[in-house]
C-alpha atoms as a PDB file:
ATOM      1  CA  MET A   1      13.392  14.494 -10.099  1.00  0.00           C
ATOM      2  CA  SER A   2      14.293  15.101  -6.463  1.00  0.00           C
ATOM      3  CA  ALA A   3      14.191  12.301  -3.903  1.00  0.00           C
ATOM      4  CA  VAL A   4      11.437  13.972  -1.848  1.00  0.00           C
ATOM      5  CA  ARG A   5       9.260  14.393  -4.926  1.00  0.00           C
ATOM      6  CA  ARG A   6       9.885  10.768  -5.937  1.00  0.00           C
ATOM      7  CA  ILE A   7       8.941   9.505  -2.456  1.00  0.00           C
ATOM      8  CA  ALA A   8       5.807  11.671  -2.448  1.00  0.00           C
ATOM      9  CA  GLY A   9       4.964  10.310  -5.892  1.00  0.00           C
ATOM     10  CA  ILE A  10       5.138   6.809  -4.452  1.00  0.00           C
ATOM     11  CA  LEU A  11       3.417   7.296  -1.095  1.00  0.00           C
ATOM     12  CA  TRP A  12       0.505   9.580  -2.009  1.00  0.00           C
ATOM     13  CA  PRO A  13      -1.049   7.447  -4.788  1.00  0.00           C
ATOM     14  CA  SER A  14      -0.442   4.289  -2.754  1.00  0.00           C
ATOM     15  CA  PHE A  15      -2.225   5.919   0.217  1.00  0.00           C
ATOM     16  CA  LEU A  16      -5.260   6.597  -1.965  1.00  0.00           C
ATOM     17  CA  VAL A  17      -5.233   3.031  -3.302  1.00  0.00           C
ATOM     18  CA  ALA A  18      -5.010   1.686   0.270  1.00  0.00           C
ATOM     19  CA  CYS A  19      -8.034   3.800   1.243  1.00  0.00           C
ATOM     20  CA  GLY A  20     -10.017   2.401  -1.664  1.00  0.00           C
ATOM     21  CA  MET A  21      -8.964  -1.166  -0.904  1.00  0.00           C
ATOM     22  CA  GLU A  22      -9.961  -0.745   2.740  1.00  0.00           C
ATOM     23  CA  VAL A  23     -13.425   0.417   1.729  1.00  0.00           C
ATOM     24  CA  LEU A  24     -13.893  -2.325  -0.863  1.00  0.00           C
ATOM     25  CA  VAL A  25     -12.644  -5.186   1.279  1.00  0.00           C
ATOM     26  CA  PHE A  26     -14.418  -4.294   4.489  1.00  0.00           C
ATOM     27  CA  ALA A  27     -17.668  -3.380   2.772  1.00  0.00           C
ATOM     28  CA  LEU A  28     -17.894  -7.082   1.907  1.00  0.00           C
ATOM     29  CA  ILE A  29     -16.078  -8.763   4.814  1.00  0.00           C
ATOM     30  CA  ASP A  30     -16.572  -8.398   8.547  1.00  0.00           C
ATOM     31  CA  PRO A  31     -13.143  -9.127  10.041  1.00  0.00           C
ATOM     32  CA  ILE A  32     -14.568 -10.408  13.315  1.00  0.00           C
ATOM     33  CA  HIS A  33     -16.573 -13.156  11.591  1.00  0.00           C
ATOM     34  CA  SER A  34     -13.770 -14.381   9.337  1.00  0.00           C
ATOM     35  CA  TYR A  35     -10.629 -16.231  10.289  1.00  0.00           C
ATOM     36  CA  CYS A  36      -7.586 -14.132   9.412  1.00  0.00           C
ATOM     37  CA  GLY A  37      -5.245 -14.824  12.298  1.00  0.00           C
ATOM     38  CA  ALA A  38      -6.478 -11.871  14.324  1.00  0.00           C
ATOM     39  CA  ASP A  39      -7.753 -14.199  17.042  1.00  0.00           C
ATOM     40  CA  ALA A  40      -4.201 -15.248  17.834  1.00  0.00           C
ATOM     41  CA  LEU A  41      -3.116 -11.600  18.021  1.00  0.00           C
ATOM     42  CA  ARG A  42      -6.203 -10.626  20.028  1.00  0.00           C
ATOM     43  CA  LEU A  43      -6.960  -7.648  17.813  1.00  0.00           C
ATOM     44  CA  SER A  44     -10.200  -5.715  17.964  1.00  0.00           C
ATOM     45  CA  ARG A  45     -12.177  -4.879  14.842  1.00  0.00           C
ATOM     46  CA  GLN A  46     -10.508  -1.453  14.730  1.00  0.00           C
ATOM     47  CA  GLY A  47      -7.092  -3.074  15.156  1.00  0.00           C
ATOM     48  CA  ILE A  48      -7.757  -5.362  12.193  1.00  0.00           C
ATOM     49  CA  TYR A  49      -8.822  -2.359  10.111  1.00  0.00           C
ATOM     50  CA  THR A  50      -5.644  -0.505  11.066  1.00  0.00           C
ATOM     51  CA  VAL A  51      -3.247  -3.373  10.402  1.00  0.00           C
ATOM     52  CA  SER A  52      -4.906  -4.245   7.114  1.00  0.00           C
ATOM     53  CA  PHE A  53      -4.781  -0.598   5.988  1.00  0.00           C
ATOM     54  CA  PHE A  54      -1.026  -0.505   6.511  1.00  0.00           C
ATOM     55  CA  VAL A  55      -0.631  -3.843   4.707  1.00  0.00           C
ATOM     56  CA  PHE A  56      -2.650  -2.480   1.766  1.00  0.00           C
ATOM     57  CA  TRP A  57      -0.575   0.709   1.820  1.00  0.00           C
ATOM     58  CA  LEU A  58       2.689  -1.250   1.872  1.00  0.00           C
ATOM     59  CA  MET A  59       1.581  -3.403  -1.058  1.00  0.00           C
ATOM     60  CA  ALA A  60       0.490  -0.390  -3.113  1.00  0.00           C
ATOM     61  CA  ALA A  61       3.700   1.495  -2.235  1.00  0.00           C
ATOM     62  CA  ALA A  62       5.782  -1.473  -3.376  1.00  0.00           C
ATOM     63  CA  SER A  63       3.915  -1.462  -6.673  1.00  0.00           C
ATOM     64  CA  SER A  64       4.428   2.284  -7.121  1.00  0.00           C
ATOM     65  CA  ALA A  65       8.107   1.973  -6.203  1.00  0.00           C
ATOM     66  CA  CYS A  66       8.587  -0.730  -8.837  1.00  0.00           C
ATOM     67  CA  THR A  67       6.909   1.488 -11.421  1.00  0.00           C
ATOM     68  CA  THR A  68       9.140   4.399 -10.465  1.00  0.00           C
ATOM     69  CA  LEU A  69      12.229   2.208 -10.652  1.00  0.00           C
ATOM     70  CA  LEU A  70      11.272   0.919 -14.093  1.00  0.00           C
ATOM     71  CA  ALA A  71      10.561   4.459 -15.319  1.00  0.00           C
ATOM     72  CA  LEU A  72      14.075   5.680 -14.514  1.00  0.00           C
ATOM     73  CA  PRO A  73      16.213   6.321 -17.587  1.00  0.00           C
ATOM     74  CA  SER A  74      18.785   3.666 -18.404  1.00  0.00           C
ATOM     75  CA  GLU A  75      22.520   4.305 -18.403  1.00  0.00           C
ATOM     76  CA  LYS A  76      22.498   4.410 -22.208  1.00  0.00           C
ATOM     77  CA  GLU A  77      19.860   7.154 -22.220  1.00  0.00           C
ATOM     78  CA  THR A  78      21.710   9.284 -19.679  1.00  0.00           C
ATOM     79  CA  ALA A  79      25.049   8.931 -21.499  1.00  0.00           C
ATOM     80  CA  GLN A  80      23.698  10.415 -24.743  1.00  0.00           C
END
């Protein structure tokens, strides 16, 4: 599998998961009315949505990257 295809296989599904997480989390929570540290950063509601989306995307990408790493063939399998 090429490196570009592997990266796309990590980033695209994690992007979709981040979109779903954003919808689920912010359908239940209003970021302005909850304490999440955004007051110290002086972020607007849209800023909180943006930062949290990238955090969700990073977390999902890390999960996908771990799955991809674990799915790679071992040295024993490639030697045969």
